[in-house]
N, C-alpha and C. Protein backbone atom coordinates (compact mmCIF):
# COMPACT_ATOMS: atom_id res chain seq x y z
N MET A 1 -100.34 32.69 -21.28
CA MET A 1 -100.88 34.04 -21.31
C MET A 1 -100.13 34.83 -22.36
N ASN A 2 -100.85 35.31 -23.33
CA ASN A 2 -100.25 36.06 -24.42
C ASN A 2 -100.63 37.52 -24.24
N VAL A 3 -99.66 38.35 -23.86
CA VAL A 3 -99.93 39.76 -23.62
C VAL A 3 -99.48 40.56 -24.83
N GLU A 4 -100.41 41.30 -25.41
CA GLU A 4 -100.09 42.14 -26.56
C GLU A 4 -99.37 43.40 -26.06
N LYS A 5 -98.28 43.76 -26.71
CA LYS A 5 -97.53 44.94 -26.33
C LYS A 5 -98.37 46.17 -26.63
N PRO A 6 -98.59 47.02 -25.62
CA PRO A 6 -99.41 48.21 -25.85
C PRO A 6 -98.64 49.26 -26.65
N ALA A 7 -99.40 50.13 -27.28
CA ALA A 7 -98.82 51.25 -28.01
C ALA A 7 -99.01 52.51 -27.19
N ILE A 8 -98.10 53.45 -27.32
CA ILE A 8 -98.24 54.74 -26.67
C ILE A 8 -99.09 55.60 -27.60
N MET A 9 -100.20 56.10 -27.07
CA MET A 9 -101.15 56.86 -27.86
C MET A 9 -101.24 58.29 -27.30
N GLU A 10 -101.61 59.23 -28.22
CA GLU A 10 -101.66 60.63 -27.83
C GLU A 10 -102.90 61.29 -28.44
N CYS A 11 -103.48 62.20 -27.68
CA CYS A 11 -104.59 63.01 -28.19
C CYS A 11 -103.99 64.15 -29.01
N PRO A 12 -104.42 64.34 -30.26
CA PRO A 12 -103.87 65.41 -31.09
C PRO A 12 -104.27 66.80 -30.61
N ASP A 13 -105.29 66.88 -29.75
CA ASP A 13 -105.77 68.19 -29.30
C ASP A 13 -105.10 68.61 -27.98
N CYS A 14 -105.24 67.80 -26.94
CA CYS A 14 -104.72 68.18 -25.61
C CYS A 14 -103.38 67.52 -25.28
N GLU A 15 -102.89 66.67 -26.16
CA GLU A 15 -101.60 65.98 -26.02
C GLU A 15 -101.54 65.04 -24.82
N THR A 16 -102.71 64.57 -24.35
CA THR A 16 -102.74 63.55 -23.30
C THR A 16 -102.10 62.28 -23.84
N ILE A 17 -101.24 61.65 -23.03
CA ILE A 17 -100.57 60.42 -23.40
C ILE A 17 -101.21 59.26 -22.64
N THR A 18 -101.45 58.16 -23.32
CA THR A 18 -102.06 56.99 -22.68
C THR A 18 -101.56 55.73 -23.39
N LEU A 19 -101.90 54.59 -22.85
CA LEU A 19 -101.58 53.32 -23.49
C LEU A 19 -102.81 52.79 -24.20
N GLY A 20 -102.60 52.16 -25.31
CA GLY A 20 -103.69 51.57 -26.08
C GLY A 20 -103.11 50.61 -27.09
N ARG A 21 -103.84 50.43 -28.19
CA ARG A 21 -103.37 49.59 -29.29
C ARG A 21 -103.47 50.41 -30.56
N ASP A 22 -102.61 50.09 -31.51
CA ASP A 22 -102.63 50.82 -32.79
C ASP A 22 -104.01 50.77 -33.45
N ASP A 23 -104.73 49.65 -33.25
CA ASP A 23 -106.05 49.52 -33.87
C ASP A 23 -107.17 50.00 -32.94
N ASP A 24 -106.79 50.64 -31.85
CA ASP A 24 -107.75 51.13 -30.87
C ASP A 24 -108.55 52.30 -31.45
N ARG A 25 -109.82 52.34 -31.17
CA ARG A 25 -110.66 53.41 -31.68
C ARG A 25 -111.01 54.41 -30.55
N SER A 26 -110.20 54.43 -29.50
CA SER A 26 -110.44 55.35 -28.39
C SER A 26 -110.28 56.79 -28.85
N GLN A 27 -111.02 57.65 -28.14
CA GLN A 27 -110.98 59.06 -28.47
C GLN A 27 -110.73 59.90 -27.24
N CYS A 28 -110.24 61.11 -27.48
CA CYS A 28 -110.05 62.11 -26.44
C CYS A 28 -110.33 63.45 -27.10
N CYS A 29 -111.02 64.33 -26.42
CA CYS A 29 -111.36 65.65 -26.99
C CYS A 29 -112.04 65.49 -28.35
N GLU A 30 -112.83 64.44 -28.48
CA GLU A 30 -113.58 64.14 -29.70
C GLU A 30 -112.70 63.85 -30.92
N HIS A 31 -111.44 63.48 -30.68
CA HIS A 31 -110.51 63.11 -31.75
C HIS A 31 -110.02 61.69 -31.49
N PRO A 32 -109.79 60.92 -32.55
CA PRO A 32 -109.18 59.60 -32.33
C PRO A 32 -107.74 59.76 -31.84
N LEU A 33 -107.35 58.88 -30.93
CA LEU A 33 -105.96 58.90 -30.45
C LEU A 33 -105.05 58.43 -31.58
N ARG A 34 -103.83 58.95 -31.59
CA ARG A 34 -102.87 58.55 -32.61
C ARG A 34 -101.64 57.95 -31.93
N PRO A 35 -100.99 57.00 -32.60
CA PRO A 35 -99.79 56.39 -32.02
C PRO A 35 -98.65 57.42 -31.93
N VAL A 36 -97.85 57.30 -30.89
CA VAL A 36 -96.69 58.16 -30.71
C VAL A 36 -95.46 57.39 -31.17
N GLU A 37 -94.65 58.04 -31.98
CA GLU A 37 -93.39 57.44 -32.40
C GLU A 37 -92.42 57.52 -31.24
N THR A 38 -91.79 56.42 -30.88
CA THR A 38 -90.90 56.39 -29.73
C THR A 38 -89.43 56.39 -30.11
N GLY A 39 -89.13 56.55 -31.39
CA GLY A 39 -87.74 56.51 -31.86
C GLY A 39 -86.82 57.48 -31.16
N ASP A 40 -87.30 58.67 -30.82
CA ASP A 40 -86.47 59.67 -30.15
C ASP A 40 -86.39 59.45 -28.64
N HIS A 41 -87.13 58.50 -28.14
CA HIS A 41 -87.22 58.28 -26.69
C HIS A 41 -86.63 56.91 -26.33
N GLU A 42 -85.36 56.75 -26.59
CA GLU A 42 -84.71 55.49 -26.26
C GLU A 42 -84.71 55.31 -24.74
N VAL A 43 -85.08 54.13 -24.30
CA VAL A 43 -85.03 53.83 -22.88
C VAL A 43 -84.19 52.57 -22.67
N GLU A 44 -83.60 52.50 -21.50
CA GLU A 44 -82.80 51.33 -21.15
C GLU A 44 -83.75 50.18 -20.83
N SER A 45 -83.47 49.02 -21.39
CA SER A 45 -84.30 47.85 -21.09
C SER A 45 -84.20 47.54 -19.61
N PRO A 46 -85.35 47.33 -18.97
CA PRO A 46 -85.32 47.08 -17.53
C PRO A 46 -84.80 45.68 -17.20
N ALA A 47 -84.03 45.60 -16.13
CA ALA A 47 -83.56 44.31 -15.63
C ALA A 47 -84.66 43.73 -14.75
N LEU A 48 -84.79 42.41 -14.76
CA LEU A 48 -85.81 41.74 -13.96
C LEU A 48 -85.70 42.14 -12.50
N GLU A 49 -84.49 42.21 -11.98
CA GLU A 49 -84.29 42.55 -10.57
C GLU A 49 -84.85 43.94 -10.26
N ASN A 50 -84.61 44.89 -11.16
CA ASN A 50 -85.13 46.25 -10.95
C ASN A 50 -86.64 46.28 -10.99
N LEU A 51 -87.23 45.56 -11.93
CA LEU A 51 -88.69 45.53 -12.04
C LEU A 51 -89.32 44.90 -10.80
N LEU A 52 -88.76 43.78 -10.36
CA LEU A 52 -89.30 43.12 -9.17
C LEU A 52 -89.21 44.04 -7.96
N GLY A 53 -88.11 44.77 -7.86
CA GLY A 53 -87.95 45.69 -6.75
C GLY A 53 -88.95 46.82 -6.79
N MET A 54 -89.14 47.41 -7.97
CA MET A 54 -90.06 48.54 -8.09
C MET A 54 -91.52 48.11 -7.99
N VAL A 55 -91.88 47.07 -8.73
CA VAL A 55 -93.29 46.68 -8.79
C VAL A 55 -93.76 46.03 -7.50
N PHE A 56 -92.96 45.13 -6.95
CA PHE A 56 -93.37 44.39 -5.76
C PHE A 56 -92.74 44.92 -4.48
N GLY A 57 -91.89 45.93 -4.59
CA GLY A 57 -91.27 46.48 -3.39
C GLY A 57 -90.27 45.53 -2.75
N MET A 58 -89.66 44.68 -3.55
CA MET A 58 -88.69 43.73 -3.01
C MET A 58 -87.36 44.43 -2.74
N ASN A 59 -86.82 44.20 -1.55
CA ASN A 59 -85.48 44.69 -1.28
C ASN A 59 -84.48 43.65 -1.77
N GLU A 60 -83.21 43.94 -1.62
CA GLU A 60 -82.18 43.06 -2.17
C GLU A 60 -82.22 41.65 -1.56
N THR A 61 -82.43 41.57 -0.25
CA THR A 61 -82.48 40.26 0.41
C THR A 61 -83.69 39.47 -0.06
N GLU A 62 -84.83 40.13 -0.18
CA GLU A 62 -86.04 39.45 -0.63
C GLU A 62 -85.87 38.94 -2.05
N LEU A 63 -85.25 39.74 -2.88
CA LEU A 63 -84.96 39.32 -4.24
C LEU A 63 -84.03 38.11 -4.25
N ASP A 64 -83.01 38.12 -3.40
CA ASP A 64 -82.11 36.97 -3.29
C ASP A 64 -82.86 35.72 -2.86
N VAL A 65 -83.77 35.86 -1.90
CA VAL A 65 -84.57 34.72 -1.42
C VAL A 65 -85.42 34.18 -2.57
N CYS A 66 -86.07 35.08 -3.29
CA CYS A 66 -86.93 34.68 -4.41
C CYS A 66 -86.13 33.93 -5.48
N LEU A 67 -85.00 34.51 -5.88
CA LEU A 67 -84.18 33.89 -6.91
C LEU A 67 -83.58 32.57 -6.44
N CYS A 68 -83.27 32.46 -5.15
CA CYS A 68 -82.74 31.21 -4.61
C CYS A 68 -83.77 30.09 -4.74
N VAL A 69 -85.01 30.37 -4.36
CA VAL A 69 -86.06 29.35 -4.49
C VAL A 69 -86.28 29.00 -5.95
N MET A 70 -86.25 30.00 -6.82
CA MET A 70 -86.44 29.73 -8.24
C MET A 70 -85.29 28.89 -8.80
N ASP A 71 -84.09 29.10 -8.29
CA ASP A 71 -82.94 28.31 -8.74
C ASP A 71 -83.01 26.86 -8.29
N VAL A 72 -83.36 26.64 -7.02
CA VAL A 72 -83.33 25.27 -6.50
C VAL A 72 -84.64 24.52 -6.73
N GLY A 73 -85.72 25.26 -6.93
CA GLY A 73 -87.00 24.62 -7.23
C GLY A 73 -87.84 24.27 -6.03
N GLU A 74 -87.20 23.93 -4.92
CA GLU A 74 -87.93 23.59 -3.70
C GLU A 74 -86.96 23.76 -2.53
N ALA A 75 -87.40 24.48 -1.49
CA ALA A 75 -86.50 24.71 -0.36
C ALA A 75 -87.30 25.04 0.89
N THR A 76 -86.69 24.77 2.02
CA THR A 76 -87.26 25.15 3.31
C THR A 76 -86.62 26.46 3.74
N THR A 77 -87.16 27.05 4.79
CA THR A 77 -86.61 28.28 5.33
C THR A 77 -85.15 28.07 5.73
N SER A 78 -84.87 26.94 6.37
CA SER A 78 -83.50 26.64 6.80
C SER A 78 -82.56 26.49 5.62
N ASP A 79 -83.03 25.82 4.56
CA ASP A 79 -82.19 25.66 3.35
C ASP A 79 -81.78 27.02 2.80
N ILE A 80 -82.74 27.91 2.69
CA ILE A 80 -82.48 29.22 2.09
C ILE A 80 -81.60 30.06 3.01
N ALA A 81 -81.88 30.02 4.32
CA ALA A 81 -81.07 30.77 5.28
C ALA A 81 -79.61 30.33 5.20
N ALA A 82 -79.38 29.03 5.11
CA ALA A 82 -78.01 28.51 5.01
C ALA A 82 -77.38 28.91 3.68
N GLU A 83 -78.13 28.81 2.60
CA GLU A 83 -77.60 29.14 1.27
C GLU A 83 -77.19 30.61 1.16
N LEU A 84 -78.02 31.49 1.75
CA LEU A 84 -77.78 32.93 1.62
C LEU A 84 -77.04 33.53 2.82
N ASP A 85 -76.83 32.72 3.86
CA ASP A 85 -76.20 33.19 5.09
C ASP A 85 -76.97 34.39 5.67
N VAL A 86 -78.28 34.17 5.81
CA VAL A 86 -79.19 35.17 6.34
C VAL A 86 -79.97 34.53 7.48
N ASP A 87 -80.32 35.31 8.49
CA ASP A 87 -81.07 34.84 9.64
C ASP A 87 -82.40 34.20 9.20
N ARG A 88 -82.73 33.06 9.81
CA ARG A 88 -83.97 32.33 9.46
C ARG A 88 -85.21 33.20 9.59
N SER A 89 -85.29 34.03 10.63
CA SER A 89 -86.49 34.86 10.84
C SER A 89 -86.67 35.86 9.70
N HIS A 90 -85.56 36.40 9.20
CA HIS A 90 -85.64 37.32 8.05
C HIS A 90 -86.10 36.56 6.81
N VAL A 91 -85.53 35.38 6.60
CA VAL A 91 -85.91 34.57 5.43
C VAL A 91 -87.38 34.21 5.51
N SER A 92 -87.84 33.81 6.69
CA SER A 92 -89.25 33.42 6.87
C SER A 92 -90.18 34.58 6.53
N ARG A 93 -89.85 35.78 7.01
CA ARG A 93 -90.68 36.96 6.72
C ARG A 93 -90.72 37.23 5.22
N HIS A 94 -89.55 37.14 4.56
CA HIS A 94 -89.49 37.38 3.12
C HIS A 94 -90.27 36.31 2.36
N LEU A 95 -90.15 35.07 2.77
CA LEU A 95 -90.87 33.98 2.10
C LEU A 95 -92.38 34.20 2.18
N ASN A 96 -92.86 34.60 3.35
CA ASN A 96 -94.30 34.84 3.50
C ASN A 96 -94.76 35.98 2.59
N HIS A 97 -93.95 37.03 2.46
CA HIS A 97 -94.31 38.13 1.56
C HIS A 97 -94.31 37.66 0.11
N LEU A 98 -93.34 36.84 -0.27
CA LEU A 98 -93.27 36.34 -1.65
C LEU A 98 -94.45 35.43 -1.97
N VAL A 99 -94.92 34.68 -0.97
CA VAL A 99 -96.12 33.86 -1.16
C VAL A 99 -97.33 34.78 -1.35
N ASP A 100 -97.42 35.83 -0.52
CA ASP A 100 -98.53 36.80 -0.66
C ASP A 100 -98.53 37.46 -2.03
N LEU A 101 -97.34 37.71 -2.58
CA LEU A 101 -97.23 38.33 -3.90
C LEU A 101 -97.60 37.37 -5.03
N GLY A 102 -97.61 36.07 -4.73
CA GLY A 102 -97.96 35.09 -5.74
C GLY A 102 -96.80 34.62 -6.59
N VAL A 103 -95.55 34.87 -6.15
CA VAL A 103 -94.41 34.39 -6.92
C VAL A 103 -93.86 33.08 -6.39
N LEU A 104 -94.21 32.77 -5.12
CA LEU A 104 -93.84 31.48 -4.53
C LEU A 104 -95.09 30.82 -3.97
N GLU A 105 -95.01 29.50 -3.85
CA GLU A 105 -96.09 28.74 -3.21
C GLU A 105 -95.53 28.05 -1.98
N LYS A 106 -96.39 27.87 -0.97
CA LYS A 106 -95.97 27.23 0.27
C LYS A 106 -96.87 26.03 0.54
N ARG A 107 -96.24 24.94 0.95
CA ARG A 107 -97.01 23.78 1.37
C ARG A 107 -96.28 23.10 2.51
N GLU A 108 -96.99 22.31 3.27
CA GLU A 108 -96.38 21.59 4.37
C GLU A 108 -95.91 20.22 3.91
N ARG A 109 -94.77 19.81 4.45
CA ARG A 109 -94.27 18.47 4.19
C ARG A 109 -94.12 17.78 5.54
N LEU A 110 -94.60 16.52 5.61
CA LEU A 110 -94.43 15.73 6.83
C LEU A 110 -93.00 15.20 6.87
N LEU A 111 -92.38 15.29 8.05
CA LEU A 111 -91.03 14.80 8.21
C LEU A 111 -91.06 13.34 8.66
N GLU A 112 -90.08 12.56 8.26
CA GLU A 112 -90.02 11.14 8.63
C GLU A 112 -89.95 10.97 10.14
N ASP A 113 -89.25 11.87 10.81
CA ASP A 113 -89.08 11.80 12.27
C ASP A 113 -90.30 12.32 13.01
N GLY A 114 -91.28 12.77 12.29
CA GLY A 114 -92.46 13.41 12.88
C GLY A 114 -92.33 14.92 12.75
N GLY A 115 -93.42 15.55 12.80
CA GLY A 115 -93.41 17.01 12.65
C GLY A 115 -93.64 17.42 11.21
N ARG A 116 -93.62 18.71 11.01
CA ARG A 116 -93.87 19.27 9.68
C ARG A 116 -92.90 20.40 9.41
N VAL A 117 -92.71 20.66 8.13
CA VAL A 117 -91.88 21.78 7.71
C VAL A 117 -92.52 22.41 6.48
N ASN A 118 -92.42 23.73 6.40
CA ASN A 118 -92.93 24.42 5.22
C ASN A 118 -91.90 24.33 4.11
N VAL A 119 -92.40 24.02 2.91
CA VAL A 119 -91.56 23.92 1.73
C VAL A 119 -92.05 24.96 0.73
N TYR A 120 -91.11 25.67 0.14
CA TYR A 120 -91.43 26.74 -0.80
C TYR A 120 -90.97 26.35 -2.20
N THR A 121 -91.84 26.61 -3.15
CA THR A 121 -91.54 26.34 -4.56
C THR A 121 -91.96 27.55 -5.39
N PRO A 122 -91.37 27.71 -6.56
CA PRO A 122 -91.82 28.82 -7.42
C PRO A 122 -93.26 28.57 -7.87
N ALA A 123 -94.03 29.63 -7.95
CA ALA A 123 -95.38 29.52 -8.51
C ALA A 123 -95.23 29.21 -9.99
N SER A 124 -96.30 28.75 -10.60
CA SER A 124 -96.24 28.43 -12.03
C SER A 124 -95.89 29.68 -12.82
N LEU A 125 -95.26 29.47 -13.95
CA LEU A 125 -94.85 30.59 -14.80
C LEU A 125 -96.06 31.44 -15.18
N GLU A 126 -97.19 30.81 -15.48
CA GLU A 126 -98.39 31.56 -15.85
C GLU A 126 -98.86 32.43 -14.69
N THR A 127 -98.81 31.89 -13.47
CA THR A 127 -99.23 32.65 -12.28
C THR A 127 -98.31 33.83 -12.04
N VAL A 128 -97.00 33.59 -12.13
CA VAL A 128 -96.03 34.67 -11.92
C VAL A 128 -96.21 35.76 -12.97
N ARG A 129 -96.36 35.36 -14.23
CA ARG A 129 -96.56 36.35 -15.30
C ARG A 129 -97.83 37.17 -15.06
N ARG A 130 -98.90 36.49 -14.70
CA ARG A 130 -100.17 37.18 -14.47
C ARG A 130 -100.04 38.16 -13.31
N ASN A 131 -99.51 37.70 -12.18
CA ASN A 131 -99.37 38.56 -11.01
C ASN A 131 -98.42 39.71 -11.29
N PHE A 132 -97.36 39.42 -12.03
CA PHE A 132 -96.40 40.46 -12.35
C PHE A 132 -97.02 41.49 -13.29
N THR A 133 -97.77 41.04 -14.29
CA THR A 133 -98.42 41.96 -15.23
C THR A 133 -99.42 42.85 -14.50
N ILE A 134 -100.22 42.27 -13.62
CA ILE A 134 -101.17 43.06 -12.84
C ILE A 134 -100.43 44.06 -11.96
N GLY A 135 -99.37 43.60 -11.29
CA GLY A 135 -98.59 44.49 -10.43
C GLY A 135 -97.93 45.60 -11.21
N LEU A 136 -97.41 45.28 -12.39
CA LEU A 136 -96.74 46.28 -13.22
C LEU A 136 -97.73 47.34 -13.70
N ILE A 137 -98.90 46.92 -14.13
CA ILE A 137 -99.90 47.88 -14.59
C ILE A 137 -100.38 48.75 -13.43
N ALA A 138 -100.56 48.15 -12.25
CA ALA A 138 -100.95 48.93 -11.07
C ALA A 138 -99.86 49.93 -10.71
N TRP A 139 -98.60 49.49 -10.76
CA TRP A 139 -97.46 50.38 -10.47
C TRP A 139 -97.42 51.51 -11.50
N PHE A 140 -97.59 51.17 -12.76
CA PHE A 140 -97.56 52.17 -13.83
C PHE A 140 -98.65 53.22 -13.61
N THR A 141 -99.85 52.76 -13.25
CA THR A 141 -100.96 53.67 -13.00
C THR A 141 -100.61 54.63 -11.87
N GLU A 142 -100.00 54.12 -10.81
CA GLU A 142 -99.58 54.97 -9.70
C GLU A 142 -98.50 55.95 -10.15
N ALA A 143 -97.56 55.48 -10.98
CA ALA A 143 -96.49 56.35 -11.48
C ALA A 143 -97.07 57.49 -12.32
N VAL A 144 -98.06 57.19 -13.14
CA VAL A 144 -98.72 58.23 -13.94
C VAL A 144 -99.40 59.24 -13.02
N ASP A 145 -100.03 58.76 -11.94
CA ASP A 145 -100.66 59.67 -10.98
C ASP A 145 -99.62 60.61 -10.34
N VAL A 146 -98.45 60.08 -10.04
CA VAL A 146 -97.38 60.92 -9.47
C VAL A 146 -96.99 62.01 -10.46
N ILE A 147 -96.85 61.64 -11.72
CA ILE A 147 -96.49 62.62 -12.75
C ILE A 147 -97.59 63.66 -12.90
N GLU A 148 -98.85 63.23 -12.90
CA GLU A 148 -99.97 64.16 -13.02
C GLU A 148 -100.01 65.13 -11.83
N ARG A 149 -99.78 64.60 -10.62
CA ARG A 149 -99.76 65.45 -9.43
C ARG A 149 -98.64 66.48 -9.55
N LEU A 150 -97.48 66.04 -10.01
CA LEU A 150 -96.35 66.94 -10.19
C LEU A 150 -96.71 68.03 -11.20
N SER A 151 -97.32 67.66 -12.29
CA SER A 151 -97.71 68.64 -13.31
C SER A 151 -98.71 69.65 -12.75
N ARG A 152 -99.71 69.15 -12.02
CA ARG A 152 -100.71 70.05 -11.43
C ARG A 152 -100.07 71.00 -10.42
N GLU A 153 -99.17 70.45 -9.58
CA GLU A 153 -98.51 71.28 -8.58
C GLU A 153 -97.64 72.35 -9.24
N LYS A 154 -96.98 71.99 -10.33
CA LYS A 154 -96.14 72.94 -11.03
C LYS A 154 -96.99 74.06 -11.63
N VAL A 155 -98.10 73.72 -12.25
CA VAL A 155 -99.00 74.71 -12.84
C VAL A 155 -99.56 75.61 -11.75
N GLU A 156 -99.97 75.03 -10.63
CA GLU A 156 -100.52 75.83 -9.54
C GLU A 156 -99.46 76.78 -8.99
N ALA A 157 -98.22 76.32 -8.87
CA ALA A 157 -97.15 77.18 -8.38
C ALA A 157 -96.89 78.34 -9.34
N ILE A 158 -96.91 78.06 -10.63
CA ILE A 158 -96.70 79.11 -11.64
C ILE A 158 -97.85 80.11 -11.58
N GLU A 159 -99.08 79.63 -11.42
CA GLU A 159 -100.23 80.53 -11.33
C GLU A 159 -100.13 81.43 -10.11
N LYS A 160 -99.67 80.88 -8.98
CA LYS A 160 -99.51 81.70 -7.77
C LYS A 160 -98.46 82.77 -7.99
N LEU A 161 -97.38 82.42 -8.66
CA LEU A 161 -96.34 83.40 -8.93
C LEU A 161 -96.84 84.50 -9.86
N SER A 162 -97.66 84.15 -10.83
CA SER A 162 -98.12 85.16 -11.79
C SER A 162 -99.17 86.08 -11.18
N ASP A 163 -99.80 85.67 -10.07
CA ASP A 163 -100.81 86.50 -9.41
C ASP A 163 -100.21 87.60 -8.55
N ARG A 164 -98.96 87.46 -8.15
CA ARG A 164 -98.38 88.49 -7.27
C ARG A 164 -97.34 89.29 -8.04
N PRO A 165 -97.12 90.50 -7.61
CA PRO A 165 -96.14 91.33 -8.31
C PRO A 165 -94.74 90.73 -8.21
N SER A 166 -93.99 90.94 -9.22
CA SER A 166 -92.64 90.38 -9.27
C SER A 166 -91.75 91.07 -8.25
N GLU A 167 -91.07 90.27 -7.44
CA GLU A 167 -90.12 90.80 -6.47
C GLU A 167 -88.70 90.49 -6.91
N LEU A 168 -88.57 90.03 -8.13
CA LEU A 168 -87.26 89.67 -8.63
C LEU A 168 -86.54 90.92 -9.10
N THR A 169 -85.27 90.97 -8.84
CA THR A 169 -84.45 92.06 -9.35
C THR A 169 -83.44 91.48 -10.31
N ILE A 170 -83.04 92.32 -11.23
CA ILE A 170 -82.08 91.88 -12.22
C ILE A 170 -80.69 92.08 -11.63
N TYR A 171 -79.89 91.07 -11.69
CA TYR A 171 -78.54 91.10 -11.16
C TYR A 171 -77.60 91.52 -12.27
N HIS A 172 -76.78 92.52 -12.00
CA HIS A 172 -75.76 92.95 -12.94
C HIS A 172 -74.41 92.67 -12.31
N LYS A 173 -73.50 92.28 -13.12
CA LYS A 173 -72.15 91.94 -12.67
C LYS A 173 -71.51 93.15 -11.97
N ASP A 174 -71.81 94.36 -12.39
CA ASP A 174 -71.19 95.54 -11.85
C ASP A 174 -71.79 95.98 -10.51
N ASP A 175 -72.91 95.35 -10.09
CA ASP A 175 -73.59 95.74 -8.85
C ASP A 175 -72.92 95.21 -7.58
N ARG A 176 -71.84 94.51 -7.69
CA ARG A 176 -71.24 93.90 -6.50
C ARG A 176 -70.70 94.92 -5.62
């Protein structure tokens, strides 16, 4: 899966910010979007652990479980519980969530003595990348909605303040 890095684009009229491509012909307010220079906006490169936590809602133990399976390649619930010194029931719950997220796969293995055990392996790199990219874009979309809500709430609060007479008084140092 080859994912092209998106460009940050801006409307020259309303200053709406969005993601696109430099060769994108998208428009806003009847103007073509223009690329935004990001040189003044240095950001810290995200660590994989932080991204997994934010995008998939993984807590520290779940992240440890995920990384443990990725390190060993194949493990049972008991193997992971022993490796991480965590209760089997907690590990089992985390493993099921990681399978639901598409970062691990689960299959049954027949035991020589009879019976079955679930074995967990990392999902293919392509599957993990795809699921992670979808999750990241969904998370980003939600984050933008939070920012938009904040902006709307701030504007509404300012409008409410401007509609009523000012009750503010000027404080002078000598008024004490």
